[in-house]
Amino acid sequence: MATIDGLPPLREVIRAHDLVAKKQLGQNFLLDLNLTAKIARMAGDLAGCDVLEVGPGPGGLTRGLLAEGARRVLVVEKDPRCVPALEEIAATYPGRLEIVQGDALELDVASRLNAPIRVVSNLPYNVGTELLIRWLSPAVWPPFWTSLTLMFQKEVAERIVARPRSDHYGRLALLTQWRAEPKIVMHLPPEAFTPAPKVHSAVVHLTRLEAPR
């Protein structure tokens, strides 16, 4: 898919803004807009929803979320190099994209969003598990989000959905399944990303339980 919104293909965006992925930021860019649109659809019906996305990079998934009808998208991006590319998307979707440049681990963004809220992210590998644990461990339950649709390394995804007494079952599965219903909805090979990571990836969709099990 060359484009979904009149904006340039992602390879051109990366080249124009010199967005070489940085390993220290856990960056692996997903450039196929067919795949990013599919991930957006895995989050369910986005019409009438605010969406939080962490680590949008050049904005491939962001574009998918907006094209799939999200009412409003709030992106949190630590890398300031990505902001100009995201601003170009915001100009194409007036009033529907808010960009916050900063560290998602240090920001409280829930107050910027209106319910219902879905979280959809290709999470940076180096903070993915920590963010998931935080979203599952708020002071008050139910949390601000209704669902999480998140990309992880495949082995982390398998730990999240593992059943009791299976090889992957442990603390992460226990915490997740105590408060949400998780399932793997998509697998992605390393070659889907630029640069290609050394591991396979998987998208996990989690629907919150109104009360813990």
C-alpha atoms as a PDB file:
ATOM      1  CA  MET A   1       0.000   0.000   0.000  1.00  0.00           C
ATOM      2  CA  ALA A   2       1.664   3.210  -1.096  1.00  0.00           C
ATOM      3  CA  THR A   3      -0.570   5.546   0.853  1.00  0.00           C
ATOM      4  CA  ILE A   4      -3.869   5.629   2.746  1.00  0.00           C
ATOM      5  CA  ASP A   5      -4.296   9.351   3.190  1.00  0.00           C
ATOM      6  CA  GLY A   6      -2.472  11.300   0.504  1.00  0.00           C
ATOM      7  CA  LEU A   7       0.701  11.426   2.587  1.00  0.00           C
ATOM      8  CA  PRO A   8       3.981   9.980   1.239  1.00  0.00           C
ATOM      9  CA  PRO A   9       4.957   6.323   1.778  1.00  0.00           C
ATOM     10  CA  LEU A  10       6.791   5.787   5.052  1.00  0.00           C
ATOM     11  CA  ARG A  11      10.131   5.087   3.403  1.00  0.00           C
ATOM     12  CA  GLU A  12       9.985   8.536   1.843  1.00  0.00           C
ATOM     13  CA  VAL A  13       9.037  10.072   5.191  1.00  0.00           C
ATOM     14  CA  ILE A  14      11.973   8.392   6.925  1.00  0.00           C
ATOM     15  CA  ARG A  15      14.336   9.505   4.183  1.00  0.00           C
ATOM     16  CA  ALA A  16      13.036  13.086   4.171  1.00  0.00           C
ATOM     17  CA  HIS A  17      13.416  13.461   7.935  1.00  0.00           C
ATOM     18  CA  ASP A  18      16.583  11.323   8.269  1.00  0.00           C
ATOM     19  CA  LEU A  19      14.910   9.001  10.769  1.00  0.00           C
ATOM     20  CA  VAL A  20      17.486   6.272  11.243  1.00  0.00           C
ATOM     21  CA  ALA A  21      16.145   3.943  13.941  1.00  0.00           C
ATOM     22  CA  LYS A  22      18.058   4.138  17.223  1.00  0.00           C
ATOM     23  CA  LYS A  23      18.703   0.908  19.077  1.00  0.00           C
ATOM     24  CA  GLN A  24      18.966   2.701  22.433  1.00  0.00           C
ATOM     25  CA  LEU A  25      15.375   3.889  22.001  1.00  0.00           C
ATOM     26  CA  GLY A  26      14.142   0.400  21.135  1.00  0.00           C
ATOM     27  CA  GLN A  27      13.089   1.579  17.672  1.00  0.00           C
ATOM     28  CA  ASN A  28      12.070  -0.820  14.914  1.00  0.00           C
ATOM     29  CA  PHE A  29       9.855   0.905  12.351  1.00  0.00           C
ATOM     30  CA  LEU A  30       6.946  -0.909  10.729  1.00  0.00           C
ATOM     31  CA  LEU A  31       6.721   0.567   7.224  1.00  0.00           C
ATOM     32  CA  ASP A  32       3.961  -1.437   5.532  1.00  0.00           C
ATOM     33  CA  LEU A  33       0.768   0.630   5.767  1.00  0.00           C
ATOM     34  CA  ASN A  34      -1.270  -2.514   5.070  1.00  0.00           C
ATOM     35  CA  LEU A  35       0.085  -3.989   8.307  1.00  0.00           C
ATOM     36  CA  THR A  36      -0.341  -0.837  10.376  1.00  0.00           C
ATOM     37  CA  ALA A  37      -3.943  -0.520   9.183  1.00  0.00           C
ATOM     38  CA  LYS A  38      -4.526  -4.176  10.103  1.00  0.00           C
ATOM     39  CA  ILE A  39      -3.155  -3.588  13.619  1.00  0.00           C
ATOM     40  CA  ALA A  40      -5.472  -0.591  13.956  1.00  0.00           C
ATOM     41  CA  ARG A  41      -8.424  -2.799  13.021  1.00  0.00           C
ATOM     42  CA  MET A  42      -7.390  -5.373  15.628  1.00  0.00           C
ATOM     43  CA  ALA A  43      -8.192  -2.759  18.274  1.00  0.00           C
ATOM     44  CA  GLY A  44     -11.876  -2.937  17.358  1.00  0.00           C
ATOM     45  CA  ASP A  45     -14.241  -0.156  16.335  1.00  0.00           C
ATOM     46  CA  LEU A  46     -12.346   3.106  16.862  1.00  0.00           C
ATOM     47  CA  ALA A  47     -15.209   5.422  15.917  1.00  0.00           C
ATOM     48  CA  GLY A  48     -16.128   7.499  18.950  1.00  0.00           C
ATOM     49  CA  CYS A  49     -12.916   6.500  20.781  1.00  0.00           C
ATOM     50  CA  ASP A  50      -9.844   8.401  21.879  1.00  0.00           C
ATOM     51  CA  VAL A  51      -6.661   6.415  21.257  1.00  0.00           C
ATOM     52  CA  LEU A  52      -3.332   6.573  23.073  1.00  0.00           C
ATOM     53  CA  GLU A  53      -0.270   5.518  21.077  1.00  0.00           C
ATOM     54  CA  VAL A  54       3.198   5.306  22.623  1.00  0.00           C
ATOM     55  CA  GLY A  55       6.263   5.395  20.383  1.00  0.00           C
ATOM     56  CA  PRO A  56       4.687   6.291  17.035  1.00  0.00           C
ATOM     57  CA  GLY A  57       8.034   6.898  15.303  1.00  0.00           C
ATOM     58  CA  PRO A  58       7.351   8.154  11.761  1.00  0.00           C
ATOM     59  CA  GLY A  59       3.621   7.590  12.255  1.00  0.00           C
ATOM     60  CA  GLY A  60       2.693   4.469  10.309  1.00  0.00           C
ATOM     61  CA  LEU A  61       0.337   3.107  12.968  1.00  0.00           C
ATOM     62  CA  THR A  62      -0.841   6.649  13.726  1.00  0.00           C
ATOM     63  CA  ARG A  63      -2.015   6.994  10.143  1.00  0.00           C
ATOM     64  CA  GLY A  64      -3.772   3.641  10.363  1.00  0.00           C
ATOM     65  CA  LEU A  65      -5.610   4.659  13.545  1.00  0.00           C
ATOM     66  CA  LEU A  66      -6.798   7.929  12.031  1.00  0.00           C
ATOM     67  CA  ALA A  67      -7.780   6.311   8.727  1.00  0.00           C
ATOM     68  CA  GLU A  68      -9.767   3.674  10.644  1.00  0.00           C
ATOM     69  CA  GLY A  69     -11.868   6.426  12.191  1.00  0.00           C
ATOM     70  CA  ALA A  70     -10.419   7.130  15.648  1.00  0.00           C
ATOM     71  CA  ARG A  71     -12.126  10.190  17.106  1.00  0.00           C
ATOM     72  CA  ARG A  72      -8.796  11.515  18.360  1.00  0.00           C
ATOM     73  CA  VAL A  73      -5.278  10.129  18.717  1.00  0.00           C
ATOM     74  CA  LEU A  74      -2.763  11.196  21.358  1.00  0.00           C
ATOM     75  CA  VAL A  75       0.801  10.126  20.560  1.00  0.00           C
ATOM     76  CA  VAL A  76       3.704  10.177  23.009  1.00  0.00           C
ATOM     77  CA  GLU A  77       7.090  10.187  21.288  1.00  0.00           C
ATOM     78  CA  LYS A  78      10.416  10.379  23.105  1.00  0.00           C
ATOM     79  CA  ASP A  79      12.498  11.017  19.971  1.00  0.00           C
ATOM     80  CA  PRO A  80      12.241  14.696  18.927  1.00  0.00           C
ATOM     81  CA  ARG A  81      13.414  13.782  15.400  1.00  0.00           C
ATOM     82  CA  CYS A  82      10.016  12.176  14.756  1.00  0.00           C
ATOM     83  CA  VAL A  83       7.923  15.208  15.694  1.00  0.00           C
ATOM     84  CA  PRO A  84       8.078  16.992  12.283  1.00  0.00           C
ATOM     85  CA  ALA A  85       6.836  13.841  10.519  1.00  0.00           C
ATOM     86  CA  LEU A  86       4.000  13.528  13.035  1.00  0.00           C
ATOM     87  CA  GLU A  87       3.116  17.199  12.566  1.00  0.00           C
ATOM     88  CA  GLU A  88       2.610  16.518   8.856  1.00  0.00           C
ATOM     89  CA  ILE A  89       0.050  13.851   9.789  1.00  0.00           C
ATOM     90  CA  ALA A  90      -1.647  16.249  12.206  1.00  0.00           C
ATOM     91  CA  ALA A  91      -2.025  18.786   9.386  1.00  0.00           C
ATOM     92  CA  THR A  92      -3.779  16.148   7.265  1.00  0.00           C
ATOM     93  CA  TYR A  93      -6.207  15.318  10.096  1.00  0.00           C
ATOM     94  CA  PRO A  94      -7.003  18.731  11.660  1.00  0.00           C
ATOM     95  CA  GLY A  95      -7.975  18.563  15.313  1.00  0.00           C
ATOM     96  CA  ARG A  96      -7.648  14.781  15.554  1.00  0.00           C
ATOM     97  CA  LEU A  97      -3.960  14.260  16.408  1.00  0.00           C
ATOM     98  CA  GLU A  98      -2.181  15.601  19.491  1.00  0.00           C
ATOM     99  CA  ILE A  99       1.585  15.128  19.780  1.00  0.00           C
ATOM    100  CA  VAL A 100       3.358  14.971  23.145  1.00  0.00           C
ATOM    101  CA  GLN A 101       7.144  14.860  22.989  1.00  0.00           C
ATOM    102  CA  GLY A 102       8.423  13.109  26.091  1.00  0.00           C
ATOM    103  CA  ASP A 103       8.952   9.843  27.963  1.00  0.00           C
ATOM    104  CA  ALA A 104       5.763   7.795  28.412  1.00  0.00           C
ATOM    105  CA  LEU A 105       7.179   6.396  31.668  1.00  0.00           C
ATOM    106  CA  GLU A 106       7.265   9.901  33.143  1.00  0.00           C
ATOM    107  CA  LEU A 107       3.994  11.345  31.823  1.00  0.00           C
ATOM    108  CA  ASP A 108       0.400  11.098  33.008  1.00  0.00           C
ATOM    109  CA  VAL A 109      -1.586  11.452  29.800  1.00  0.00           C
ATOM    110  CA  ALA A 110      -4.919   9.992  30.907  1.00  0.00           C
ATOM    111  CA  SER A 111      -6.229  13.471  31.746  1.00  0.00           C
ATOM    112  CA  ARG A 112      -5.761  14.481  28.090  1.00  0.00           C
ATOM    113  CA  LEU A 113      -8.131  11.762  26.864  1.00  0.00           C
ATOM    114  CA  ASN A 114     -11.886  11.278  26.937  1.00  0.00           C
ATOM    115  CA  ALA A 115     -13.611   7.940  27.408  1.00  0.00           C
ATOM    116  CA  PRO A 116     -13.915   5.496  25.815  1.00  0.00           C
ATOM    117  CA  ILE A 117     -10.149   5.143  25.457  1.00  0.00           C
ATOM    118  CA  ARG A 118      -8.192   2.463  23.644  1.00  0.00           C
ATOM    119  CA  VAL A 119      -4.414   2.078  23.816  1.00  0.00           C
ATOM    120  CA  VAL A 120      -2.842   0.902  20.558  1.00  0.00           C
ATOM    121  CA  SER A 121       0.949   0.826  20.228  1.00  0.00           C
ATOM    122  CA  ASN A 122       3.928  -0.804  18.601  1.00  0.00           C
ATOM    123  CA  LEU A 123       5.752  -0.444  21.901  1.00  0.00           C
ATOM    124  CA  PRO A 124       9.504   0.193  22.014  1.00  0.00           C
ATOM    125  CA  TYR A 125      11.054  -3.096  23.090  1.00  0.00           C
ATOM    126  CA  ASN A 126      12.891  -1.527  26.025  1.00  0.00           C
ATOM    127  CA  VAL A 127       9.779  -0.218  27.826  1.00  0.00           C
ATOM    128  CA  GLY A 128       6.938  -2.441  26.619  1.00  0.00           C
ATOM    129  CA  THR A 129       6.631  -4.765  29.603  1.00  0.00           C
ATOM    130  CA  GLU A 130       6.984  -1.949  32.149  1.00  0.00           C
ATOM    131  CA  LEU A 131       4.223   0.069  30.488  1.00  0.00           C
ATOM    132  CA  LEU A 132       1.937  -2.962  30.383  1.00  0.00           C
ATOM    133  CA  ILE A 133       2.436  -3.589  34.106  1.00  0.00           C
ATOM    134  CA  ARG A 134       1.678   0.057  34.884  1.00  0.00           C
ATOM    135  CA  TRP A 135      -1.505   0.003  32.812  1.00  0.00           C
ATOM    136  CA  LEU A 136      -2.595  -3.159  34.630  1.00  0.00           C
ATOM    137  CA  SER A 137      -1.741  -1.789  38.096  1.00  0.00           C
ATOM    138  CA  PRO A 138      -3.500   1.565  38.581  1.00  0.00           C
ATOM    139  CA  ALA A 139      -4.517   2.749  42.031  1.00  0.00           C
ATOM    140  CA  VAL A 140      -8.184   2.471  41.047  1.00  0.00           C
ATOM    141  CA  TRP A 141      -9.848  -0.188  38.910  1.00  0.00           C
ATOM    142  CA  PRO A 142     -11.348  -0.153  36.290  1.00  0.00           C
ATOM    143  CA  PRO A 143      -8.574   1.830  34.583  1.00  0.00           C
ATOM    144  CA  PHE A 144      -8.811   4.714  32.117  1.00  0.00           C
ATOM    145  CA  TRP A 145      -8.577   2.308  29.127  1.00  0.00           C
ATOM    146  CA  THR A 146     -11.127  -0.159  27.811  1.00  0.00           C
ATOM    147  CA  SER A 147      -8.657  -2.185  25.741  1.00  0.00           C
ATOM    148  CA  LEU A 148      -4.942  -2.474  25.001  1.00  0.00           C
ATOM    149  CA  THR A 149      -3.680  -3.576  21.583  1.00  0.00           C
ATOM    150  CA  LEU A 150       0.078  -3.839  21.900  1.00  0.00           C
ATOM    151  CA  MET A 151       2.999  -5.266  19.987  1.00  0.00           C
ATOM    152  CA  PHE A 152       5.661  -7.192  21.902  1.00  0.00           C
ATOM    153  CA  GLN A 153       8.462  -9.598  21.216  1.00  0.00           C
ATOM    154  CA  LYS A 154       6.810 -12.957  20.545  1.00  0.00           C
ATOM    155  CA  GLU A 155       8.189 -14.548  23.710  1.00  0.00           C
ATOM    156  CA  VAL A 156       6.733 -11.728  25.838  1.00  0.00           C
ATOM    157  CA  ALA A 157       3.361 -12.097  24.112  1.00  0.00           C
ATOM    158  CA  GLU A 158       3.408 -15.830  24.854  1.00  0.00           C
ATOM    159  CA  ARG A 159       4.094 -15.091  28.534  1.00  0.00           C
ATOM    160  CA  ILE A 160       1.125 -12.711  28.640  1.00  0.00           C
ATOM    161  CA  VAL A 161      -1.399 -15.252  27.301  1.00  0.00           C
ATOM    162  CA  ALA A 162       0.105 -18.399  28.884  1.00  0.00           C
ATOM    163  CA  ARG A 163      -2.301 -20.705  30.668  1.00  0.00           C
ATOM    164  CA  PRO A 164      -1.734 -22.044  34.195  1.00  0.00           C
ATOM    165  CA  ARG A 165       0.750 -24.910  34.461  1.00  0.00           C
ATOM    166  CA  SER A 166       2.143 -24.216  30.965  1.00  0.00           C
ATOM    167  CA  ASP A 167       5.837 -23.541  30.316  1.00  0.00           C
ATOM    168  CA  HIS A 168       5.407 -19.767  29.870  1.00  0.00           C
ATOM    169  CA  TYR A 169       3.057 -19.212  32.806  1.00  0.00           C
ATOM    170  CA  GLY A 170       4.345 -16.810  35.432  1.00  0.00           C
ATOM    171  CA  ARG A 171       3.981 -13.394  37.046  1.00  0.00           C
ATOM    172  CA  LEU A 172       3.144 -11.554  33.812  1.00  0.00           C
ATOM    173  CA  ALA A 173       0.382 -13.994  32.844  1.00  0.00           C
ATOM    174  CA  LEU A 174      -1.016 -13.957  36.374  1.00  0.00           C
ATOM    175  CA  LEU A 175      -1.182 -10.148  36.538  1.00  0.00           C
ATOM    176  CA  THR A 176      -2.626  -9.802  33.041  1.00  0.00           C
ATOM    177  CA  GLN A 177      -5.285 -12.490  33.363  1.00  0.00           C
ATOM    178  CA  TRP A 178      -6.275 -11.304  36.839  1.00  0.00           C
ATOM    179  CA  ARG A 179      -7.498  -8.020  35.355  1.00  0.00           C
ATOM    180  CA  ALA A 180      -7.946  -8.527  31.599  1.00  0.00           C
ATOM    181  CA  GLU A 181      -8.758 -11.014  28.879  1.00  0.00           C
ATOM    182  CA  PRO A 182      -5.699 -11.291  26.583  1.00  0.00           C
ATOM    183  CA  LYS A 183      -5.283 -12.979  23.234  1.00  0.00           C
ATOM    184  CA  ILE A 184      -2.651 -12.927  20.491  1.00  0.00           C
ATOM    185  CA  VAL A 185      -4.283 -11.519  17.355  1.00  0.00           C
ATOM    186  CA  MET A 186      -1.361 -11.183  14.943  1.00  0.00           C
ATOM    187  CA  HIS A 187       2.208 -12.409  14.337  1.00  0.00           C
ATOM    188  CA  LEU A 188       4.902 -10.452  12.502  1.00  0.00           C
ATOM    189  CA  PRO A 189       8.270 -11.718  11.212  1.00  0.00           C
ATOM    190  CA  PRO A 190      11.500  -9.734  11.710  1.00  0.00           C
ATOM    191  CA  GLU A 191      11.614  -8.698   8.039  1.00  0.00           C
ATOM    192  CA  ALA A 192       8.409  -6.671   8.496  1.00  0.00           C
ATOM    193  CA  PHE A 193      10.479  -4.074  10.369  1.00  0.00           C
ATOM    194  CA  THR A 194      13.256  -1.640   9.580  1.00  0.00           C
ATOM    195  CA  PRO A 195      15.787  -2.449  10.889  1.00  0.00           C
ATOM    196  CA  ALA A 196      14.838  -6.113  11.236  1.00  0.00           C
ATOM    197  CA  PRO A 197      15.052  -7.215  14.894  1.00  0.00           C
ATOM    198  CA  LYS A 198      16.502 -10.575  15.849  1.00  0.00           C
ATOM    199  CA  VAL A 199      13.156 -11.778  17.201  1.00  0.00           C
ATOM    200  CA  HIS A 200       9.627 -12.354  15.954  1.00  0.00           C
ATOM    201  CA  SER A 201       6.854 -10.067  17.184  1.00  0.00           C
ATOM    202  CA  ALA A 202       3.198 -10.504  18.096  1.00  0.00           C
ATOM    203  CA  VAL A 203       0.235  -8.219  18.727  1.00  0.00           C
ATOM    204  CA  VAL A 204      -1.751  -8.869  21.897  1.00  0.00           C
ATOM    205  CA  HIS A 205      -5.270  -7.510  22.400  1.00  0.00           C
ATOM    206  CA  LEU A 206      -6.368  -7.158  26.031  1.00  0.00           C
ATOM    207  CA  THR A 207      -9.913  -6.329  27.075  1.00  0.00           C
ATOM    208  CA  ARG A 208     -10.233  -5.082  30.630  1.00  0.00           C
ATOM    209  CA  LEU A 209     -12.428  -6.868  33.152  1.00  0.00           C
ATOM    210  CA  GLU A 210     -14.765  -4.538  35.007  1.00  0.00           C
ATOM    211  CA  ALA A 211     -13.616  -6.244  38.216  1.00  0.00           C
ATOM    212  CA  PRO A 212     -10.537  -8.422  38.793  1.00  0.00           C
ATOM    213  CA  ARG A 213     -11.142 -12.155  38.721  1.00  0.00           C
END
